[in-house]
Amino acid sequence: MSIFVVLLRGINVGGHRKVPMSELRELLANSGYANVQTYIQSGNVVLQSTLNSEEIKLQIEETILNHFGFEVTVLVKTNDELKAIFNACPFQNEEKEKSYFMILDAAPNAEGFDEVLNLEYCGEKVHITESCIYFFSANGYGRTKFNSNFFERKLKINATARNHKTMLKLLAMAEEAETKL
């Protein structure tokens, strides 16, 4: 059994695509996953499985579609993958604490890469890797010119954003789960 962090994109936003976390935990446990834990309502799950990341992704997407009746993009990372993403954040100190991690399901499309990197907005910084877009906005995520939809469209990828605090919590949950293996 291995520990995985599962990130659901775009659920429980503005009363749309509602996925109650208690129901999700039960659904995933009944699907064969062990030690299923969730954090806040935005679709953060830590679980144990013998499956690989791609198998988990496909199974959870199908399970949610069959149970809730709508499609949800699911991104799955191992604890080590998420830790590496977090540790590679290029921002320092206060900027890092106010940064967002847009976790990617694939490497960004090269065509849109240069266009995105050439865009600049006052108080905003972007750093793109094959697995994450690191984003800092002095004015906060709600007031930024950049968001997950923008990056998905330009780079032709699926992404879901988590803030620094959520990343820390998910890493702590995954670390704790690994100590119980």
N, C-alpha and C. Protein backbone atom coordinates (compact mmCIF):
# COMPACT_ATOMS: atom_id res chain seq x y z
N MET A 1 0.85 -1.18 0.00
CA MET A 1 0.00 0.00 0.00
C MET A 1 0.89 1.24 0.00
N SER A 2 0.46 2.24 -0.75
CA SER A 2 1.17 3.51 -0.82
C SER A 2 0.21 4.64 -0.48
N ILE A 3 0.78 5.77 -0.10
CA ILE A 3 -0.01 6.96 0.23
C ILE A 3 -0.09 7.85 -1.00
N PHE A 4 -1.30 8.35 -1.26
CA PHE A 4 -1.54 9.26 -2.37
C PHE A 4 -2.32 10.48 -1.89
N VAL A 5 -2.05 11.61 -2.53
CA VAL A 5 -2.83 12.83 -2.32
C VAL A 5 -3.66 13.02 -3.58
N VAL A 6 -4.97 13.10 -3.39
CA VAL A 6 -5.91 13.23 -4.50
C VAL A 6 -6.51 14.63 -4.44
N LEU A 7 -6.45 15.35 -5.55
CA LEU A 7 -6.97 16.72 -5.63
C LEU A 7 -8.10 16.76 -6.65
N LEU A 8 -9.27 17.17 -6.19
CA LEU A 8 -10.43 17.30 -7.08
C LEU A 8 -10.52 18.76 -7.51
N ARG A 9 -10.77 18.98 -8.79
CA ARG A 9 -10.82 20.35 -9.32
C ARG A 9 -12.26 20.84 -9.42
N GLY A 10 -12.50 22.03 -8.88
CA GLY A 10 -13.75 22.75 -9.13
C GLY A 10 -14.99 22.20 -8.45
N ILE A 11 -14.84 21.59 -7.28
CA ILE A 11 -16.03 21.13 -6.58
C ILE A 11 -16.37 22.10 -5.44
N ASN A 12 -17.64 22.09 -5.04
CA ASN A 12 -18.12 22.88 -3.90
C ASN A 12 -17.79 24.37 -4.03
N VAL A 13 -17.83 24.88 -5.25
CA VAL A 13 -17.56 26.30 -5.49
C VAL A 13 -18.88 27.00 -5.78
N GLY A 14 -19.25 27.94 -4.96
CA GLY A 14 -20.48 28.71 -5.18
C GLY A 14 -21.74 27.85 -5.21
N GLY A 15 -21.74 26.76 -4.46
CA GLY A 15 -22.92 25.90 -4.39
C GLY A 15 -23.08 24.97 -5.58
N HIS A 16 -22.11 24.94 -6.47
CA HIS A 16 -22.17 24.09 -7.65
C HIS A 16 -21.29 22.86 -7.47
N ARG A 17 -21.66 21.78 -8.17
CA ARG A 17 -20.89 20.54 -8.14
C ARG A 17 -20.57 20.14 -6.71
N LYS A 18 -21.64 20.00 -5.93
CA LYS A 18 -21.49 19.70 -4.50
C LYS A 18 -21.06 18.25 -4.28
N VAL A 19 -20.01 18.12 -3.51
CA VAL A 19 -19.49 16.82 -3.11
C VAL A 19 -19.21 16.89 -1.60
N PRO A 20 -20.16 16.45 -0.78
CA PRO A 20 -19.91 16.47 0.67
C PRO A 20 -18.73 15.57 1.03
N MET A 21 -17.83 16.07 1.84
CA MET A 21 -16.61 15.32 2.15
C MET A 21 -16.90 14.02 2.90
N SER A 22 -17.87 14.02 3.79
CA SER A 22 -18.20 12.77 4.50
C SER A 22 -18.70 11.71 3.53
N GLU A 23 -19.48 12.13 2.56
CA GLU A 23 -19.99 11.21 1.54
C GLU A 23 -18.85 10.72 0.64
N LEU A 24 -17.94 11.63 0.30
CA LEU A 24 -16.79 11.25 -0.53
C LEU A 24 -15.90 10.25 0.20
N ARG A 25 -15.64 10.49 1.49
CA ARG A 25 -14.82 9.55 2.26
C ARG A 25 -15.44 8.15 2.25
N GLU A 26 -16.74 8.08 2.50
CA GLU A 26 -17.44 6.80 2.52
C GLU A 26 -17.40 6.13 1.14
N LEU A 27 -17.64 6.93 0.10
CA LEU A 27 -17.64 6.42 -1.27
C LEU A 27 -16.27 5.83 -1.63
N LEU A 28 -15.21 6.53 -1.28
CA LEU A 28 -13.86 6.06 -1.60
C LEU A 28 -13.48 4.83 -0.76
N ALA A 29 -13.89 4.83 0.50
CA ALA A 29 -13.63 3.65 1.34
C ALA A 29 -14.35 2.43 0.79
N ASN A 30 -15.58 2.63 0.33
CA ASN A 30 -16.35 1.53 -0.26
C ASN A 30 -15.80 1.10 -1.62
N SER A 31 -14.97 1.94 -2.23
CA SER A 31 -14.34 1.61 -3.51
C SER A 31 -13.00 0.89 -3.32
N GLY A 32 -12.64 0.63 -2.07
CA GLY A 32 -11.44 -0.15 -1.81
C GLY A 32 -10.24 0.63 -1.32
N TYR A 33 -10.38 1.94 -1.14
CA TYR A 33 -9.26 2.73 -0.63
C TYR A 33 -9.23 2.65 0.89
N ALA A 34 -8.04 2.72 1.47
CA ALA A 34 -7.88 2.61 2.92
C ALA A 34 -7.51 3.95 3.53
N ASN A 35 -7.86 4.11 4.79
CA ASN A 35 -7.49 5.31 5.57
C ASN A 35 -7.76 6.61 4.82
N VAL A 36 -8.96 6.75 4.30
CA VAL A 36 -9.36 7.92 3.52
C VAL A 36 -9.59 9.10 4.46
N GLN A 37 -8.88 10.19 4.19
CA GLN A 37 -9.04 11.43 4.97
C GLN A 37 -9.28 12.58 4.00
N THR A 38 -10.06 13.56 4.43
CA THR A 38 -10.26 14.76 3.61
C THR A 38 -9.86 15.99 4.42
N TYR A 39 -9.57 17.05 3.69
CA TYR A 39 -9.23 18.32 4.33
C TYR A 39 -10.01 19.43 3.63
N ILE A 40 -10.73 20.20 4.38
CA ILE A 40 -11.65 21.25 3.94
C ILE A 40 -12.54 20.77 2.80
N GLN A 41 -13.35 21.66 2.27
CA GLN A 41 -14.39 21.27 1.31
C GLN A 41 -13.98 21.37 -0.15
N SER A 42 -12.72 21.70 -0.42
CA SER A 42 -12.32 21.95 -1.81
C SER A 42 -11.77 20.73 -2.53
N GLY A 43 -11.94 19.54 -1.95
CA GLY A 43 -11.55 18.33 -2.67
C GLY A 43 -10.12 17.91 -2.46
N ASN A 44 -9.71 17.83 -1.22
CA ASN A 44 -8.37 17.37 -0.86
C ASN A 44 -8.50 16.05 -0.12
N VAL A 45 -7.88 15.00 -0.65
CA VAL A 45 -8.02 13.67 -0.08
C VAL A 45 -6.63 13.04 0.07
N VAL A 46 -6.42 12.40 1.20
CA VAL A 46 -5.23 11.57 1.41
C VAL A 46 -5.75 10.16 1.63
N LEU A 47 -5.17 9.19 0.91
CA LEU A 47 -5.64 7.81 1.02
C LEU A 47 -4.52 6.83 0.76
N GLN A 48 -4.80 5.57 1.07
CA GLN A 48 -3.87 4.47 0.80
C GLN A 48 -4.46 3.60 -0.29
N SER A 49 -3.56 3.08 -1.16
CA SER A 49 -4.02 2.20 -2.23
C SER A 49 -2.87 1.35 -2.75
N THR A 50 -3.23 0.22 -3.34
CA THR A 50 -2.25 -0.61 -4.04
C THR A 50 -2.21 -0.26 -5.53
N LEU A 51 -3.15 0.57 -5.98
CA LEU A 51 -3.20 0.99 -7.38
C LEU A 51 -2.13 2.04 -7.65
N ASN A 52 -1.88 2.34 -8.93
CA ASN A 52 -0.97 3.44 -9.27
C ASN A 52 -1.77 4.73 -9.45
N SER A 53 -1.08 5.84 -9.62
CA SER A 53 -1.73 7.15 -9.71
C SER A 53 -2.77 7.23 -10.82
N GLU A 54 -2.44 6.72 -12.00
CA GLU A 54 -3.36 6.79 -13.13
C GLU A 54 -4.61 5.95 -12.88
N GLU A 55 -4.43 4.77 -12.31
CA GLU A 55 -5.59 3.91 -11.99
C GLU A 55 -6.50 4.58 -10.97
N ILE A 56 -5.90 5.21 -9.97
CA ILE A 56 -6.68 5.91 -8.95
C ILE A 56 -7.46 7.05 -9.58
N LYS A 57 -6.79 7.85 -10.40
CA LYS A 57 -7.43 8.98 -11.08
C LYS A 57 -8.66 8.53 -11.86
N LEU A 58 -8.47 7.53 -12.71
CA LEU A 58 -9.58 7.06 -13.56
C LEU A 58 -10.71 6.47 -12.73
N GLN A 59 -10.37 5.71 -11.71
CA GLN A 59 -11.40 5.09 -10.87
C GLN A 59 -12.20 6.14 -10.10
N ILE A 60 -11.52 7.13 -9.53
CA ILE A 60 -12.23 8.16 -8.76
C ILE A 60 -13.07 9.03 -9.68
N GLU A 61 -12.57 9.38 -10.86
CA GLU A 61 -13.38 10.15 -11.81
C GLU A 61 -14.65 9.40 -12.17
N GLU A 62 -14.53 8.11 -12.44
CA GLU A 62 -15.70 7.30 -12.79
C GLU A 62 -16.66 7.15 -11.60
N THR A 63 -16.11 6.95 -10.42
CA THR A 63 -16.93 6.81 -9.21
C THR A 63 -17.73 8.07 -8.94
N ILE A 64 -17.09 9.23 -9.06
CA ILE A 64 -17.79 10.50 -8.83
C ILE A 64 -18.86 10.72 -9.89
N LEU A 65 -18.54 10.44 -11.14
CA LEU A 65 -19.53 10.59 -12.21
C LEU A 65 -20.74 9.70 -11.95
N ASN A 66 -20.51 8.45 -11.62
CA ASN A 66 -21.61 7.51 -11.38
C ASN A 66 -22.43 7.88 -10.15
N HIS A 67 -21.77 8.37 -9.10
CA HIS A 67 -22.48 8.66 -7.85
C HIS A 67 -23.12 10.05 -7.83
N PHE A 68 -22.38 11.07 -8.26
CA PHE A 68 -22.87 12.45 -8.17
C PHE A 68 -23.46 12.96 -9.47
N GLY A 69 -23.16 12.31 -10.60
CA GLY A 69 -23.76 12.67 -11.87
C GLY A 69 -23.06 13.78 -12.63
N PHE A 70 -21.82 14.10 -12.28
CA PHE A 70 -21.07 15.10 -13.05
C PHE A 70 -19.60 14.72 -13.06
N GLU A 71 -18.90 15.24 -14.08
CA GLU A 71 -17.48 14.96 -14.23
C GLU A 71 -16.65 15.89 -13.37
N VAL A 72 -15.60 15.35 -12.81
CA VAL A 72 -14.65 16.12 -12.01
C VAL A 72 -13.25 15.72 -12.46
N THR A 73 -12.41 16.72 -12.69
CA THR A 73 -11.01 16.44 -12.98
C THR A 73 -10.32 16.06 -11.68
N VAL A 74 -9.62 14.93 -11.70
CA VAL A 74 -8.93 14.42 -10.53
C VAL A 74 -7.43 14.37 -10.83
N LEU A 75 -6.64 14.93 -9.94
CA LEU A 75 -5.18 14.85 -10.05
C LEU A 75 -4.67 14.06 -8.86
N VAL A 76 -3.76 13.13 -9.11
CA VAL A 76 -3.25 12.25 -8.06
C VAL A 76 -1.73 12.36 -8.01
N LYS A 77 -1.21 12.58 -6.81
CA LYS A 77 0.24 12.65 -6.61
C LYS A 77 0.62 11.75 -5.43
N THR A 78 1.80 11.16 -5.52
CA THR A 78 2.32 10.45 -4.36
C THR A 78 2.78 11.49 -3.34
N ASN A 79 3.01 11.04 -2.12
CA ASN A 79 3.52 11.94 -1.10
C ASN A 79 4.85 12.53 -1.54
N ASP A 80 5.73 11.70 -2.10
CA ASP A 80 7.04 12.20 -2.55
C ASP A 80 6.90 13.21 -3.68
N GLU A 81 5.99 12.97 -4.61
CA GLU A 81 5.78 13.93 -5.71
C GLU A 81 5.29 15.27 -5.18
N LEU A 82 4.33 15.24 -4.25
CA LEU A 82 3.80 16.49 -3.70
C LEU A 82 4.87 17.22 -2.89
N LYS A 83 5.66 16.47 -2.15
CA LYS A 83 6.75 17.06 -1.37
C LYS A 83 7.75 17.74 -2.29
N ALA A 84 8.10 17.09 -3.40
CA ALA A 84 9.05 17.66 -4.36
C ALA A 84 8.50 18.94 -4.98
N ILE A 85 7.21 18.94 -5.30
CA ILE A 85 6.57 20.14 -5.85
C ILE A 85 6.65 21.28 -4.84
N PHE A 86 6.31 20.99 -3.60
CA PHE A 86 6.33 22.02 -2.56
C PHE A 86 7.74 22.56 -2.35
N ASN A 87 8.70 21.68 -2.26
CA ASN A 87 10.09 22.10 -2.00
C ASN A 87 10.71 22.85 -3.17
N ALA A 88 10.19 22.69 -4.36
CA ALA A 88 10.73 23.38 -5.54
C ALA A 88 10.17 24.79 -5.72
N CYS A 89 9.31 25.22 -4.83
CA CYS A 89 8.74 26.58 -4.96
C CYS A 89 9.87 27.60 -4.98
N PRO A 90 9.91 28.46 -6.00
CA PRO A 90 11.02 29.40 -6.14
C PRO A 90 10.90 30.65 -5.26
N PHE A 91 9.74 30.84 -4.66
CA PHE A 91 9.53 32.05 -3.88
C PHE A 91 10.08 31.87 -2.47
N GLN A 92 10.45 32.97 -1.86
CA GLN A 92 11.05 32.93 -0.53
C GLN A 92 10.14 33.59 0.51
N ASN A 93 10.24 33.10 1.72
CA ASN A 93 9.64 33.68 2.91
C ASN A 93 8.18 34.09 2.73
N GLU A 94 7.90 35.40 2.87
CA GLU A 94 6.52 35.88 2.83
C GLU A 94 5.85 35.59 1.49
N GLU A 95 6.58 35.73 0.40
CA GLU A 95 6.00 35.42 -0.91
C GLU A 95 5.61 33.95 -1.00
N LYS A 96 6.44 33.08 -0.44
CA LYS A 96 6.13 31.65 -0.47
C LYS A 96 4.86 31.37 0.33
N GLU A 97 4.72 32.01 1.48
CA GLU A 97 3.55 31.80 2.34
C GLU A 97 2.27 32.33 1.69
N LYS A 98 2.40 33.24 0.75
CA LYS A 98 1.23 33.80 0.06
C LYS A 98 1.13 33.29 -1.38
N SER A 99 1.84 32.23 -1.67
CA SER A 99 1.84 31.72 -3.04
C SER A 99 0.80 30.63 -3.23
N TYR A 100 0.54 30.34 -4.50
CA TYR A 100 -0.39 29.29 -4.90
C TYR A 100 0.36 28.29 -5.75
N PHE A 101 -0.02 27.04 -5.58
CA PHE A 101 0.58 25.94 -6.30
C PHE A 101 -0.48 25.38 -7.23
N MET A 102 -0.30 25.56 -8.52
CA MET A 102 -1.25 25.01 -9.49
C MET A 102 -0.67 23.68 -9.97
N ILE A 103 -1.20 22.62 -9.39
CA ILE A 103 -0.71 21.28 -9.68
C ILE A 103 -1.21 20.88 -11.06
N LEU A 104 -0.30 20.36 -11.89
CA LEU A 104 -0.61 20.01 -13.28
C LEU A 104 -0.76 18.51 -13.46
N ASP A 105 -1.60 18.11 -14.40
CA ASP A 105 -1.75 16.69 -14.70
C ASP A 105 -0.79 16.22 -15.79
N ALA A 106 -0.13 17.16 -16.45
CA ALA A 106 0.83 16.83 -17.51
C ALA A 106 1.75 18.03 -17.71
N ALA A 107 2.82 17.83 -18.43
CA ALA A 107 3.72 18.94 -18.74
C ALA A 107 2.99 19.95 -19.61
N PRO A 108 3.23 21.25 -19.39
CA PRO A 108 2.55 22.29 -20.17
C PRO A 108 2.91 22.22 -21.66
N ASN A 109 1.98 22.66 -22.49
CA ASN A 109 2.17 22.74 -23.93
C ASN A 109 3.21 23.81 -24.23
N ALA A 110 4.20 23.47 -25.02
CA ALA A 110 5.29 24.40 -25.32
C ALA A 110 4.83 25.64 -26.07
N GLU A 111 3.78 25.52 -26.89
CA GLU A 111 3.31 26.67 -27.68
C GLU A 111 2.88 27.84 -26.81
N GLY A 112 2.14 27.58 -25.76
CA GLY A 112 1.66 28.66 -24.91
C GLY A 112 2.63 29.08 -23.83
N PHE A 113 3.67 28.30 -23.65
CA PHE A 113 4.63 28.51 -22.58
C PHE A 113 5.27 29.90 -22.65
N ASP A 114 5.83 30.25 -23.80
CA ASP A 114 6.50 31.55 -23.96
C ASP A 114 5.52 32.70 -23.79
N GLU A 115 4.33 32.54 -24.33
CA GLU A 115 3.32 33.60 -24.22
C GLU A 115 2.99 33.88 -22.75
N VAL A 116 2.81 32.85 -21.97
CA VAL A 116 2.49 33.02 -20.55
C VAL A 116 3.66 33.66 -19.81
N LEU A 117 4.86 33.21 -20.08
CA LEU A 117 6.02 33.75 -19.38
C LEU A 117 6.29 35.21 -19.73
N ASN A 118 5.84 35.66 -20.89
CA ASN A 118 6.06 37.05 -21.30
C ASN A 118 5.01 38.00 -20.74
N LEU A 119 3.94 37.46 -20.16
CA LEU A 119 2.92 38.31 -19.56
C LEU A 119 3.37 38.76 -18.18
N GLU A 120 3.18 40.03 -17.89
CA GLU A 120 3.54 40.54 -16.57
C GLU A 120 2.43 41.44 -16.07
N TYR A 121 2.10 41.25 -14.81
CA TYR A 121 1.14 42.11 -14.13
C TYR A 121 1.78 42.56 -12.84
N CYS A 122 1.54 43.79 -12.48
CA CYS A 122 2.14 44.38 -11.29
C CYS A 122 1.83 43.54 -10.05
N GLY A 123 2.86 43.18 -9.31
CA GLY A 123 2.68 42.44 -8.06
C GLY A 123 2.43 40.96 -8.24
N GLU A 124 2.58 40.45 -9.46
CA GLU A 124 2.34 39.03 -9.70
C GLU A 124 3.58 38.37 -10.29
N LYS A 125 3.85 37.16 -9.83
CA LYS A 125 4.99 36.40 -10.32
C LYS A 125 4.52 34.99 -10.67
N VAL A 126 5.09 34.46 -11.75
CA VAL A 126 4.75 33.11 -12.20
C VAL A 126 6.04 32.36 -12.51
N HIS A 127 6.08 31.11 -12.05
CA HIS A 127 7.20 30.22 -12.39
C HIS A 127 6.57 28.88 -12.79
N ILE A 128 6.93 28.41 -13.98
CA ILE A 128 6.29 27.20 -14.52
C ILE A 128 7.30 26.06 -14.62
N THR A 129 6.89 24.89 -14.13
CA THR A 129 7.69 23.67 -14.28
C THR A 129 6.81 22.63 -14.97
N GLU A 130 7.31 21.43 -15.12
CA GLU A 130 6.53 20.37 -15.76
C GLU A 130 5.40 19.85 -14.88
N SER A 131 5.47 20.08 -13.58
CA SER A 131 4.46 19.53 -12.69
C SER A 131 3.65 20.57 -11.93
N CYS A 132 4.09 21.83 -11.96
CA CYS A 132 3.41 22.85 -11.15
C CYS A 132 3.65 24.24 -11.73
N ILE A 133 2.64 25.08 -11.57
CA ILE A 133 2.80 26.51 -11.84
C ILE A 133 2.79 27.18 -10.48
N TYR A 134 3.88 27.82 -10.14
CA TYR A 134 3.99 28.53 -8.87
C TYR A 134 3.57 29.97 -9.14
N PHE A 135 2.67 30.45 -8.31
CA PHE A 135 2.09 31.75 -8.57
C PHE A 135 2.02 32.57 -7.30
N PHE A 136 2.48 33.81 -7.38
CA PHE A 136 2.38 34.74 -6.26
C PHE A 136 1.67 36.00 -6.74
N SER A 137 0.73 36.47 -5.93
CA SER A 137 0.06 37.73 -6.21
C SER A 137 0.01 38.54 -4.92
N ALA A 138 0.59 39.72 -4.95
CA ALA A 138 0.59 40.58 -3.77
C ALA A 138 -0.82 40.97 -3.36
N ASN A 139 -1.75 40.97 -4.33
CA ASN A 139 -3.13 41.38 -4.06
C ASN A 139 -4.06 40.21 -3.73
N GLY A 140 -3.54 38.99 -3.72
CA GLY A 140 -4.36 37.82 -3.42
C GLY A 140 -4.93 37.18 -4.67
N TYR A 141 -5.28 35.92 -4.55
CA TYR A 141 -5.73 35.12 -5.69
C TYR A 141 -7.04 35.64 -6.29
N GLY A 142 -7.91 36.17 -5.46
CA GLY A 142 -9.21 36.65 -5.93
C GLY A 142 -9.13 37.88 -6.83
N ARG A 143 -8.02 38.59 -6.80
CA ARG A 143 -7.88 39.81 -7.59
C ARG A 143 -6.85 39.69 -8.71
N THR A 144 -6.40 38.50 -8.96
CA THR A 144 -5.34 38.31 -9.94
C THR A 144 -5.85 38.26 -11.38
N LYS A 145 -4.96 38.54 -12.29
CA LYS A 145 -5.25 38.39 -13.71
C LYS A 145 -5.10 36.93 -14.13
N PHE A 146 -4.28 36.20 -13.37
CA PHE A 146 -4.03 34.78 -13.66
C PHE A 146 -4.92 33.91 -12.78
N ASN A 147 -5.36 32.78 -13.32
CA ASN A 147 -6.05 31.77 -12.51
C ASN A 147 -5.91 30.43 -13.22
N SER A 148 -6.44 29.38 -12.60
CA SER A 148 -6.30 28.04 -13.19
C SER A 148 -6.88 27.97 -14.59
N ASN A 149 -8.05 28.59 -14.80
CA ASN A 149 -8.67 28.56 -16.13
C ASN A 149 -7.77 29.19 -17.19
N PHE A 150 -7.15 30.32 -16.84
CA PHE A 150 -6.24 31.00 -17.76
C PHE A 150 -5.09 30.06 -18.16
N PHE A 151 -4.43 29.46 -17.17
CA PHE A 151 -3.30 28.59 -17.45
C PHE A 151 -3.71 27.33 -18.20
N GLU A 152 -4.85 26.77 -17.84
CA GLU A 152 -5.33 25.58 -18.55
C GLU A 152 -5.55 25.86 -20.03
N ARG A 153 -6.15 27.01 -20.31
CA ARG A 153 -6.46 27.39 -21.69
C ARG A 153 -5.16 27.64 -22.48
N LYS A 154 -4.25 28.40 -21.91
CA LYS A 154 -3.02 28.77 -22.62
C LYS A 154 -2.05 27.61 -22.78
N LEU A 155 -1.97 26.75 -21.75
CA LEU A 155 -0.97 25.69 -21.75
C LEU A 155 -1.53 24.31 -22.09
N LYS A 156 -2.85 24.27 -22.32
CA LYS A 156 -3.54 23.03 -22.72
C LYS A 156 -3.26 21.88 -21.74
N ILE A 157 -3.54 22.17 -20.46
CA ILE A 157 -3.35 21.19 -19.40
C ILE A 157 -4.53 21.29 -18.43
N ASN A 158 -4.65 20.32 -17.53
CA ASN A 158 -5.58 20.41 -16.41
C ASN A 158 -4.77 20.79 -15.19
N ALA A 159 -5.33 21.68 -14.38
CA ALA A 159 -4.63 22.15 -13.19
C ALA A 159 -5.63 22.42 -12.08
N THR A 160 -5.16 22.34 -10.87
CA THR A 160 -5.98 22.74 -9.73
C THR A 160 -5.07 23.44 -8.73
N ALA A 161 -5.52 24.56 -8.21
CA ALA A 161 -4.70 25.40 -7.35
C ALA A 161 -4.95 25.13 -5.87
N ARG A 162 -3.86 25.16 -5.11
CA ARG A 162 -3.93 25.05 -3.66
C ARG A 162 -2.99 26.10 -3.08
N ASN A 163 -3.40 26.70 -1.97
CA ASN A 163 -2.53 27.70 -1.35
C ASN A 163 -1.48 27.02 -0.46
N HIS A 164 -0.57 27.82 0.03
CA HIS A 164 0.55 27.34 0.84
C HIS A 164 0.06 26.59 2.07
N LYS A 165 -0.91 27.13 2.76
CA LYS A 165 -1.44 26.50 3.98
C LYS A 165 -2.02 25.12 3.68
N THR A 166 -2.78 25.01 2.60
CA THR A 166 -3.37 23.72 2.23
C THR A 166 -2.28 22.72 1.86
N MET A 167 -1.27 23.17 1.14
CA MET A 167 -0.17 22.27 0.79
C MET A 167 0.52 21.74 2.05
N LEU A 168 0.78 22.63 3.01
CA LEU A 168 1.41 22.20 4.26
C LEU A 168 0.56 21.15 4.97
N LYS A 169 -0.74 21.38 5.03
CA LYS A 169 -1.64 20.45 5.71
C LYS A 169 -1.68 19.10 5.00
N LEU A 170 -1.77 19.11 3.67
CA LEU A 170 -1.80 17.86 2.92
C LEU A 170 -0.50 17.07 3.10
N LEU A 171 0.61 17.76 3.10
CA LEU A 171 1.89 17.09 3.32
C LEU A 171 1.97 16.50 4.72
N ALA A 172 1.47 17.23 5.72
CA ALA A 172 1.46 16.71 7.09
C ALA A 172 0.56 15.49 7.21
N MET A 173 -0.61 15.54 6.57
CA MET A 173 -1.53 14.40 6.60
C MET A 173 -0.89 13.18 5.92
N ALA A 174 -0.24 13.40 4.79
CA ALA A 174 0.39 12.30 4.05
C ALA A 174 1.56 11.71 4.85
N GLU A 175 2.34 12.58 5.48
CA GLU A 175 3.46 12.11 6.30
C GLU A 175 2.96 11.26 7.46
N GLU A 176 1.90 11.74 8.12
CA GLU A 176 1.33 11.00 9.24
C GLU A 176 0.81 9.64 8.77
N ALA A 177 0.15 9.63 7.62
CA ALA A 177 -0.38 8.37 7.08
C ALA A 177 0.76 7.40 6.76
N GLU A 178 1.88 7.92 6.29
CA GLU A 178 3.02 7.04 5.97
C GLU A 178 3.61 6.41 7.22
N THR A 179 3.55 7.11 8.34
CA THR A 179 4.09 6.53 9.58
C THR A 179 3.25 5.35 10.06
N LYS A 180 2.02 5.26 9.56
CA LYS A 180 1.11 4.18 9.97
C LYS A 180 1.12 2.99 9.02
N LEU A 181 1.92 3.07 7.97
CA LEU A 181 1.99 1.96 7.00
C LEU A 181 2.63 0.72 7.62
